[in-house]
Amino acid sequence: MAEEKRARTKHASHVSVRLDAATMIRVEAVAPLFSTEWRTASRSDVLRGLILDALDRFEQGARPEGWRGAAPEKAGAKPAAGKKGKRGAKPKR
């Protein structure tokens, strides 16, 4: 009997991270907060939730003390006038 292939869903992208053991323990410790009575949250579910929450807060201005970088541009915002194109290429005329 041949195994059925799962239908692929359209994901925006795939990201991998390497975390130390202490951080993984912390991620696994908050997993029950992301779980429901129907489904146990995976590490990916927890990391996705943490990233999305932290990204929202970061964009709202809650940056770590001592942050030296420029404020992040909002997704979909038009680039400031005078900026060069990708990788410093000159704009086409």
PDB file of N, CA and C in Angstrom:
ATOM      1  N   MET A   1       0.838  -1.182   0.000  1.00  0.00           N
ATOM      2  CA  MET A   1       0.000   0.000   0.000  1.00  0.00           C
ATOM      3  C   MET A   1       0.883   1.246   0.000  1.00  0.00           C
ATOM      4  N   ALA A   2       0.724   2.106  -0.950  1.00  0.00           N
ATOM      5  CA  ALA A   2       1.543   3.309  -1.066  1.00  0.00           C
ATOM      6  C   ALA A   2       1.083   4.360  -0.057  1.00  0.00           C
ATOM      7  N   GLU A   3       2.059   5.057   0.520  1.00  0.00           N
ATOM      8  CA  GLU A   3       1.727   6.120   1.459  1.00  0.00           C
ATOM      9  C   GLU A   3       1.230   7.331   0.699  1.00  0.00           C
ATOM     10  N   GLU A   4       0.208   7.963   1.249  1.00  0.00           N
ATOM     11  CA  GLU A   4      -0.301   9.180   0.643  1.00  0.00           C
ATOM     12  C   GLU A   4       0.593  10.347   1.044  1.00  0.00           C
ATOM     13  N   LYS A   5       0.877  11.201   0.097  1.00  0.00           N
ATOM     14  CA  LYS A   5       1.677  12.382   0.398  1.00  0.00           C
ATOM     15  C   LYS A   5       0.760  13.458   0.960  1.00  0.00           C
ATOM     16  N   ARG A   6       1.267  14.181   1.958  1.00  0.00           N
ATOM     17  CA  ARG A   6       0.504  15.277   2.521  1.00  0.00           C
ATOM     18  C   ARG A   6       0.475  16.428   1.522  1.00  0.00           C
ATOM     19  N   ALA A   7      -0.651  17.076   1.433  1.00  0.00           N
ATOM     20  CA  ALA A   7      -0.759  18.245   0.571  1.00  0.00           C
ATOM     21  C   ALA A   7       0.083  19.357   1.189  1.00  0.00           C
ATOM     22  N   ARG A   8       0.903  19.997   0.392  1.00  0.00           N
ATOM     23  CA  ARG A   8       1.742  21.078   0.896  1.00  0.00           C
ATOM     24  C   ARG A   8       0.921  22.346   1.038  1.00  0.00           C
ATOM     25  N   THR A   9       1.130  23.019   2.133  1.00  0.00           N
ATOM     26  CA  THR A   9       0.493  24.310   2.324  1.00  0.00           C
ATOM     27  C   THR A   9       1.471  25.384   1.896  1.00  0.00           C
ATOM     28  N   LYS A  10       0.964  26.528   1.564  1.00  0.00           N
ATOM     29  CA  LYS A  10       1.824  27.614   1.105  1.00  0.00           C
ATOM     30  C   LYS A  10       2.292  28.422   2.308  1.00  0.00           C
ATOM     31  N   HIS A  11       3.513  28.180   2.727  1.00  0.00           N
ATOM     32  CA  HIS A  11       4.116  28.935   3.808  1.00  0.00           C
ATOM     33  C   HIS A  11       4.947  30.059   3.210  1.00  0.00           C
ATOM     34  N   ALA A  12       4.977  31.166   3.909  1.00  0.00           N
ATOM     35  CA  ALA A  12       5.761  32.299   3.424  1.00  0.00           C
ATOM     36  C   ALA A  12       7.236  31.929   3.339  1.00  0.00           C
ATOM     37  N   SER A  13       7.735  31.282   4.366  1.00  0.00           N
ATOM     38  CA  SER A  13       9.127  30.875   4.363  1.00  0.00           C
ATOM     39  C   SER A  13       9.378  29.929   5.523  1.00  0.00           C
ATOM     40  N   HIS A  14      10.572  29.404   5.568  1.00  0.00           N
ATOM     41  CA  HIS A  14      10.971  28.482   6.621  1.00  0.00           C
ATOM     42  C   HIS A  14      12.179  29.080   7.314  1.00  0.00           C
ATOM     43  N   VAL A  15      12.176  29.017   8.643  1.00  0.00           N
ATOM     44  CA  VAL A  15      13.285  29.568   9.419  1.00  0.00           C
ATOM     45  C   VAL A  15      13.739  28.517  10.415  1.00  0.00           C
ATOM     46  N   SER A  16      15.030  28.378  10.565  1.00  0.00           N
ATOM     47  CA  SER A  16      15.599  27.479  11.564  1.00  0.00           C
ATOM     48  C   SER A  16      16.404  28.305  12.551  1.00  0.00           C
ATOM     49  N   VAL A  17      16.372  27.889  13.800  1.00  0.00           N
ATOM     50  CA  VAL A  17      17.172  28.564  14.816  1.00  0.00           C
ATOM     51  C   VAL A  17      17.899  27.534  15.659  1.00  0.00           C
ATOM     52  N   ARG A  18      19.015  27.941  16.199  1.00  0.00           N
ATOM     53  CA  ARG A  18      19.746  27.106  17.148  1.00  0.00           C
ATOM     54  C   ARG A  18      19.708  27.820  18.477  1.00  0.00           C
ATOM     55  N   LEU A  19      19.243  27.116  19.488  1.00  0.00           N
ATOM     56  CA  LEU A  19      19.130  27.700  20.815  1.00  0.00           C
ATOM     57  C   LEU A  19      19.904  26.850  21.811  1.00  0.00           C
ATOM     58  N   ASP A  20      20.447  27.489  22.814  1.00  0.00           N
ATOM     59  CA  ASP A  20      21.150  26.732  23.844  1.00  0.00           C
ATOM     60  C   ASP A  20      20.139  25.970  24.704  1.00  0.00           C
ATOM     61  N   ALA A  21      20.647  25.045  25.487  1.00  0.00           N
ATOM     62  CA  ALA A  21      19.772  24.171  26.279  1.00  0.00           C
ATOM     63  C   ALA A  21      18.916  24.960  27.263  1.00  0.00           C
ATOM     64  N   ALA A  22      19.489  25.986  27.876  1.00  0.00           N
ATOM     65  CA  ALA A  22      18.738  26.776  28.858  1.00  0.00           C
ATOM     66  C   ALA A  22      17.544  27.486  28.201  1.00  0.00           C
ATOM     67  N   THR A  23      17.745  28.003  26.998  1.00  0.00           N
ATOM     68  CA  THR A  23      16.660  28.677  26.293  1.00  0.00           C
ATOM     69  C   THR A  23      15.583  27.679  25.881  1.00  0.00           C
ATOM     70  N   MET A  24      15.986  26.500  25.438  1.00  0.00           N
ATOM     71  CA  MET A  24      15.007  25.473  25.055  1.00  0.00           C
ATOM     72  C   MET A  24      14.160  25.053  26.257  1.00  0.00           C
ATOM     73  N   ILE A  25      14.777  24.973  27.414  1.00  0.00           N
ATOM     74  CA  ILE A  25      14.027  24.638  28.631  1.00  0.00           C
ATOM     75  C   ILE A  25      12.991  25.718  28.914  1.00  0.00           C
ATOM     76  N   ARG A  26      13.374  26.967  28.720  1.00  0.00           N
ATOM     77  CA  ARG A  26      12.427  28.077  28.925  1.00  0.00           C
ATOM     78  C   ARG A  26      11.288  28.014  27.927  1.00  0.00           C
ATOM     79  N   VAL A  27      11.595  27.710  26.664  1.00  0.00           N
ATOM     80  CA  VAL A  27      10.555  27.587  25.630  1.00  0.00           C
ATOM     81  C   VAL A  27       9.594  26.462  25.992  1.00  0.00           C
ATOM     82  N   GLU A  28      10.125  25.316  26.386  1.00  0.00           N
ATOM     83  CA  GLU A  28       9.281  24.184  26.737  1.00  0.00           C
ATOM     84  C   GLU A  28       8.460  24.459  27.996  1.00  0.00           C
ATOM     85  N   ALA A  29       8.977  25.304  28.892  1.00  0.00           N
ATOM     86  CA  ALA A  29       8.262  25.626  30.126  1.00  0.00           C
ATOM     87  C   ALA A  29       6.994  26.450  29.861  1.00  0.00           C
ATOM     88  N   VAL A  30       7.010  27.271  28.797  1.00  0.00           N
ATOM     89  CA  VAL A  30       5.824  28.077  28.497  1.00  0.00           C
ATOM     90  C   VAL A  30       4.882  27.387  27.508  1.00  0.00           C
ATOM     91  N   ALA A  31       5.258  26.227  27.000  1.00  0.00           N
ATOM     92  CA  ALA A  31       4.415  25.501  26.041  1.00  0.00           C
ATOM     93  C   ALA A  31       2.995  25.254  26.562  1.00  0.00           C
ATOM     94  N   PRO A  32       2.799  24.920  27.825  1.00  0.00           N
ATOM     95  CA  PRO A  32       1.428  24.715  28.299  1.00  0.00           C
ATOM     96  C   PRO A  32       0.539  25.957  28.151  1.00  0.00           C
ATOM     97  N   LEU A  33       1.131  27.137  28.178  1.00  0.00           N
ATOM     98  CA  LEU A  33       0.353  28.367  28.000  1.00  0.00           C
ATOM     99  C   LEU A  33      -0.173  28.508  26.572  1.00  0.00           C
ATOM    100  N   PHE A  34       0.498  27.870  25.625  1.00  0.00           N
ATOM    101  CA  PHE A  34       0.100  27.924  24.224  1.00  0.00           C
ATOM    102  C   PHE A  34      -0.765  26.729  23.826  1.00  0.00           C
ATOM    103  N   SER A  35      -0.880  25.748  24.706  1.00  0.00           N
ATOM    104  CA  SER A  35      -1.641  24.529  24.414  1.00  0.00           C
ATOM    105  C   SER A  35      -3.127  24.731  24.690  1.00  0.00           C
ATOM    106  N   THR A  36      -3.935  23.912  24.042  1.00  0.00           N
ATOM    107  CA  THR A  36      -5.371  23.896  24.306  1.00  0.00           C
ATOM    108  C   THR A  36      -5.747  22.498  24.781  1.00  0.00           C
ATOM    109  N   GLU A  37      -6.999  22.312  25.128  1.00  0.00           N
ATOM    110  CA  GLU A  37      -7.407  20.975  25.559  1.00  0.00           C
ATOM    111  C   GLU A  37      -7.448  20.002  24.376  1.00  0.00           C
ATOM    112  N   TRP A  38      -7.425  20.534  23.149  1.00  0.00           N
ATOM    113  CA  TRP A  38      -7.481  19.688  21.959  1.00  0.00           C
ATOM    114  C   TRP A  38      -6.118  19.426  21.350  1.00  0.00           C
ATOM    115  N   ARG A  39      -5.165  20.331  21.623  1.00  0.00           N
ATOM    116  CA  ARG A  39      -3.864  20.200  20.962  1.00  0.00           C
ATOM    117  C   ARG A  39      -2.746  20.712  21.862  1.00  0.00           C
ATOM    118  N   THR A  40      -1.706  19.923  21.968  1.00  0.00           N
ATOM    119  CA  THR A  40      -0.516  20.333  22.705  1.00  0.00           C
ATOM    120  C   THR A  40       0.354  21.182  21.788  1.00  0.00           C
ATOM    121  N   ALA A  41       0.783  22.322  22.276  1.00  0.00           N
ATOM    122  CA  ALA A  41       1.607  23.225  21.470  1.00  0.00           C
ATOM    123  C   ALA A  41       2.988  22.618  21.230  1.00  0.00           C
ATOM    124  N   SER A  42       3.476  22.789  20.017  1.00  0.00           N
ATOM    125  CA  SER A  42       4.827  22.332  19.674  1.00  0.00           C
ATOM    126  C   SER A  42       5.813  23.462  19.972  1.00  0.00           C
ATOM    127  N   ARG A  43       7.096  23.140  19.892  1.00  0.00           N
ATOM    128  CA  ARG A  43       8.109  24.180  20.060  1.00  0.00           C
ATOM    129  C   ARG A  43       7.938  25.271  19.009  1.00  0.00           C
ATOM    130  N   SER A  44       7.604  24.855  17.799  1.00  0.00           N
ATOM    131  CA  SER A  44       7.406  25.836  16.723  1.00  0.00           C
ATOM    132  C   SER A  44       6.257  26.778  17.043  1.00  0.00           C
ATOM    133  N   ASP A  45       5.168  26.245  17.599  1.00  0.00           N
ATOM    134  CA  ASP A  45       4.031  27.086  17.975  1.00  0.00           C
ATOM    135  C   ASP A  45       4.455  28.135  19.002  1.00  0.00           C
ATOM    136  N   VAL A  46       5.218  27.691  19.990  1.00  0.00           N
ATOM    137  CA  VAL A  46       5.668  28.597  21.049  1.00  0.00           C
ATOM    138  C   VAL A  46       6.591  29.661  20.472  1.00  0.00           C
ATOM    139  N   LEU A  47       7.582  29.253  19.702  1.00  0.00           N
ATOM    140  CA  LEU A  47       8.521  30.218  19.125  1.00  0.00           C
ATOM    141  C   LEU A  47       7.819  31.196  18.197  1.00  0.00           C
ATOM    142  N   ARG A  48       6.882  30.704  17.390  1.00  0.00           N
ATOM    143  CA  ARG A  48       6.131  31.581  16.481  1.00  0.00           C
ATOM    144  C   ARG A  48       5.370  32.634  17.285  1.00  0.00           C
ATOM    145  N   GLY A  49       4.692  32.210  18.335  1.00  0.00           N
ATOM    146  CA  GLY A  49       3.943  33.148  19.169  1.00  0.00           C
ATOM    147  C   GLY A  49       4.837  34.174  19.843  1.00  0.00           C
ATOM    148  N   LEU A  50       5.953  33.719  20.363  1.00  0.00           N
ATOM    149  CA  LEU A  50       6.885  34.635  21.020  1.00  0.00           C
ATOM    150  C   LEU A  50       7.479  35.640  20.041  1.00  0.00           C
ATOM    151  N   ILE A  51       7.848  35.175  18.864  1.00  0.00           N
ATOM    152  CA  ILE A  51       8.420  36.071  17.852  1.00  0.00           C
ATOM    153  C   ILE A  51       7.410  37.115  17.414  1.00  0.00           C
ATOM    154  N   LEU A  52       6.193  36.689  17.114  1.00  0.00           N
ATOM    155  CA  LEU A  52       5.181  37.643  16.648  1.00  0.00           C
ATOM    156  C   LEU A  52       4.856  38.683  17.717  1.00  0.00           C
ATOM    157  N   ASP A  53       4.744  38.251  18.972  1.00  0.00           N
ATOM    158  CA  ASP A  53       4.461  39.187  20.054  1.00  0.00           C
ATOM    159  C   ASP A  53       5.617  40.165  20.244  1.00  0.00           C
ATOM    160  N   ALA A  54       6.831  39.638  20.269  1.00  0.00           N
ATOM    161  CA  ALA A  54       8.001  40.497  20.468  1.00  0.00           C
ATOM    162  C   ALA A  54       8.190  41.452  19.297  1.00  0.00           C
ATOM    163  N   LEU A  55       7.912  40.999  18.084  1.00  0.00           N
ATOM    164  CA  LEU A  55       8.049  41.855  16.910  1.00  0.00           C
ATOM    165  C   LEU A  55       7.074  43.022  16.979  1.00  0.00           C
ATOM    166  N   ASP A  56       5.833  42.742  17.368  1.00  0.00           N
ATOM    167  CA  ASP A  56       4.844  43.817  17.520  1.00  0.00           C
ATOM    168  C   ASP A  56       5.301  44.841  18.556  1.00  0.00           C
ATOM    169  N   ARG A  57       5.776  44.349  19.689  1.00  0.00           N
ATOM    170  CA  ARG A  57       6.233  45.251  20.744  1.00  0.00           C
ATOM    171  C   ARG A  57       7.449  46.055  20.294  1.00  0.00           C
ATOM    172  N   PHE A  58       8.360  45.424  19.591  1.00  0.00           N
ATOM    173  CA  PHE A  58       9.566  46.093  19.111  1.00  0.00           C
ATOM    174  C   PHE A  58       9.198  47.214  18.145  1.00  0.00           C
ATOM    175  N   GLU A  59       8.267  46.926  17.235  1.00  0.00           N
ATOM    176  CA  GLU A  59       7.852  47.945  16.264  1.00  0.00           C
ATOM    177  C   GLU A  59       7.100  49.095  16.922  1.00  0.00           C
ATOM    178  N   GLN A  60       6.467  48.835  18.053  1.00  0.00           N
ATOM    179  CA  GLN A  60       5.740  49.881  18.772  1.00  0.00           C
ATOM    180  C   GLN A  60       6.684  50.789  19.561  1.00  0.00           C
ATOM    181  N   GLY A  61       7.945  50.421  19.640  1.00  0.00           N
ATOM    182  CA  GLY A  61       8.917  51.265  20.320  1.00  0.00           C
ATOM    183  C   GLY A  61       9.502  50.660  21.574  1.00  0.00           C
ATOM    184  N   ALA A  62       9.080  49.485  21.952  1.00  0.00           N
ATOM    185  CA  ALA A  62       9.634  48.833  23.143  1.00  0.00           C
ATOM    186  C   ALA A  62      10.915  48.119  22.761  1.00  0.00           C
ATOM    187  N   ARG A  63      12.013  48.854  22.767  1.00  0.00           N
ATOM    188  CA  ARG A  63      13.301  48.285  22.387  1.00  0.00           C
ATOM    189  C   ARG A  63      14.159  48.086  23.624  1.00  0.00           C
ATOM    190  N   PRO A  64      15.082  47.154  23.562  1.00  0.00           N
ATOM    191  CA  PRO A  64      15.959  46.916  24.715  1.00  0.00           C
ATOM    192  C   PRO A  64      16.754  48.163  25.075  1.00  0.00           C
ATOM    193  N   GLU A  65      17.042  48.303  26.347  1.00  0.00           N
ATOM    194  CA  GLU A  65      17.840  49.430  26.805  1.00  0.00           C
ATOM    195  C   GLU A  65      19.207  49.386  26.130  1.00  0.00           C
ATOM    196  N   GLY A  66      19.666  50.516  25.660  1.00  0.00           N
ATOM    197  CA  GLY A  66      20.947  50.572  24.985  1.00  0.00           C
ATOM    198  C   GLY A  66      20.857  50.284  23.492  1.00  0.00           C
ATOM    199  N   TRP A  67      19.640  50.127  22.955  1.00  0.00           N
ATOM    200  CA  TRP A  67      19.467  49.851  21.526  1.00  0.00           C
ATOM    201  C   TRP A  67      20.044  51.002  20.723  1.00  0.00           C
ATOM    202  N   ARG A  68      20.886  50.708  19.766  1.00  0.00           N
ATOM    203  CA  ARG A  68      21.546  51.747  18.985  1.00  0.00           C
ATOM    204  C   ARG A  68      21.060  51.806  17.545  1.00  0.00           C
ATOM    205  N   GLY A  69      20.317  50.821  17.125  1.00  0.00           N
ATOM    206  CA  GLY A  69      19.861  50.781  15.739  1.00  0.00           C
ATOM    207  C   GLY A  69      18.748  51.772  15.468  1.00  0.00           C
ATOM    208  N   ALA A  70      18.502  52.007  14.209  1.00  0.00           N
ATOM    209  CA  ALA A  70      17.425  52.895  13.802  1.00  0.00           C
ATOM    210  C   ALA A  70      16.093  52.211  14.059  1.00  0.00           C
ATOM    211  N   ALA A  71      15.047  52.995  14.145  1.00  0.00           N
ATOM    212  CA  ALA A  71      13.707  52.444  14.313  1.00  0.00           C
ATOM    213  C   ALA A  71      13.367  51.609  13.082  1.00  0.00           C
ATOM    214  N   PRO A  72      12.752  50.448  13.268  1.00  0.00           N
ATOM    215  CA  PRO A  72      12.430  49.606  12.121  1.00  0.00           C
ATOM    216  C   PRO A  72      11.345  50.235  11.250  1.00  0.00           C
ATOM    217  N   GLU A  73      11.432  49.996   9.952  1.00  0.00           N
ATOM    218  CA  GLU A  73      10.399  50.483   9.039  1.00  0.00           C
ATOM    219  C   GLU A  73       9.220  49.528   9.095  1.00  0.00           C
ATOM    220  N   LYS A  74       8.038  50.049   9.005  1.00  0.00           N
ATOM    221  CA  LYS A  74       6.838  49.222   9.008  1.00  0.00           C
ATOM    222  C   LYS A  74       6.776  48.434   7.708  1.00  0.00           C
ATOM    223  N   ALA A  75       6.243  47.228   7.789  1.00  0.00           N
ATOM    224  CA  ALA A  75       6.091  46.395   6.593  1.00  0.00           C
ATOM    225  C   ALA A  75       5.151  47.099   5.637  1.00  0.00           C
ATOM    226  N   GLY A  76       5.536  47.169   4.390  1.00  0.00           N
ATOM    227  CA  GLY A  76       4.698  47.789   3.374  1.00  0.00           C
ATOM    228  C   GLY A  76       4.894  49.294   3.276  1.00  0.00           C
ATOM    229  N   ALA A  77       5.696  49.877   4.146  1.00  0.00           N
ATOM    230  CA  ALA A  77       5.929  51.312   4.088  1.00  0.00           C
ATOM    231  C   ALA A  77       6.823  51.637   2.894  1.00  0.00           C
ATOM    232  N   LYS A  78       6.584  52.792   2.323  1.00  0.00           N
ATOM    233  CA  LYS A  78       7.398  53.213   1.185  1.00  0.00           C
ATOM    234  C   LYS A  78       8.769  53.637   1.684  1.00  0.00           C
ATOM    235  N   PRO A  79       9.840  53.294   0.948  1.00  0.00           N
ATOM    236  CA  PRO A  79      11.175  53.709   1.372  1.00  0.00           C
ATOM    237  C   PRO A  79      11.315  55.225   1.317  1.00  0.00           C
ATOM    238  N   ALA A  80      12.154  55.759   2.152  1.00  0.00           N
ATOM    239  CA  ALA A  80      12.382  57.198   2.177  1.00  0.00           C
ATOM    240  C   ALA A  80      12.978  57.657   0.848  1.00  0.00           C
ATOM    241  N   ALA A  81      12.654  58.893   0.467  1.00  0.00           N
ATOM    242  CA  ALA A  81      13.158  59.445  -0.789  1.00  0.00           C
ATOM    243  C   ALA A  81      14.672  59.509  -0.753  1.00  0.00           C
ATOM    244  N   GLY A  82      15.292  59.259  -1.882  1.00  0.00           N
ATOM    245  CA  GLY A  82      16.729  59.364  -1.988  1.00  0.00           C
ATOM    246  C   GLY A  82      17.464  58.061  -1.671  1.00  0.00           C
ATOM    247  N   LYS A  83      16.756  57.053  -1.224  1.00  0.00           N
ATOM    248  CA  LYS A  83      17.432  55.788  -0.944  1.00  0.00           C
ATOM    249  C   LYS A  83      17.725  55.065  -2.240  1.00  0.00           C
ATOM    250  N   LYS A  84      18.834  54.345  -2.248  1.00  0.00           N
ATOM    251  CA  LYS A  84      19.203  53.561  -3.417  1.00  0.00           C
ATOM    252  C   LYS A  84      18.399  52.274  -3.431  1.00  0.00           C
ATOM    253  N   GLY A  85      18.421  51.598  -4.556  1.00  0.00           N
ATOM    254  CA  GLY A  85      17.706  50.335  -4.699  1.00  0.00           C
ATOM    255  C   GLY A  85      18.382  49.224  -3.936  1.00  0.00           C
ATOM    256  N   LYS A  86      18.076  48.018  -4.289  1.00  0.00           N
ATOM    257  CA  LYS A  86      18.621  46.854  -3.617  1.00  0.00           C
ATOM    258  C   LYS A  86      20.129  46.819  -3.698  1.00  0.00           C
ATOM    259  N   ARG A  87      20.751  46.469  -2.608  1.00  0.00           N
ATOM    260  CA  ARG A  87      22.198  46.265  -2.509  1.00  0.00           C
ATOM    261  C   ARG A  87      23.005  47.470  -2.999  1.00  0.00           C
ATOM    262  N   GLY A  88      22.449  48.660  -2.846  1.00  0.00           N
ATOM    263  CA  GLY A  88      23.184  49.862  -3.184  1.00  0.00           C
ATOM    264  C   GLY A  88      23.251  50.165  -4.665  1.00  0.00           C
ATOM    265  N   ALA A  89      22.468  49.469  -5.484  1.00  0.00           N
ATOM    266  CA  ALA A  89      22.482  49.706  -6.917  1.00  0.00           C
ATOM    267  C   ALA A  89      21.860  51.068  -7.213  1.00  0.00           C
ATOM    268  N   LYS A  90      22.327  51.698  -8.260  1.00  0.00           N
ATOM    269  CA  LYS A  90      21.769  52.977  -8.638  1.00  0.00           C
ATOM    270  C   LYS A  90      20.397  52.764  -9.274  1.00  0.00           C
ATOM    271  N   PRO A  91      19.433  53.656  -8.997  1.00  0.00           N
ATOM    272  CA  PRO A  91      18.103  53.498  -9.599  1.00  0.00           C
ATOM    273  C   PRO A  91      18.161  53.654 -11.119  1.00  0.00           C
ATOM    274  N   LYS A  92      17.295  52.926 -11.817  1.00  0.00           N
ATOM    275  CA  LYS A  92      17.221  53.026 -13.281  1.00  0.00           C
ATOM    276  C   LYS A  92      16.550  54.342 -13.660  1.00  0.00           C
ATOM    277  N   ARG A  93      16.973  54.896 -14.796  1.00  0.00           N
ATOM    278  CA  ARG A  93      16.376  56.162 -15.280  1.00  0.00           C
ATOM    279  C   ARG A  93      15.336  55.904 -16.302  1.00  0.00           C
TER     280      ARG A  93
END
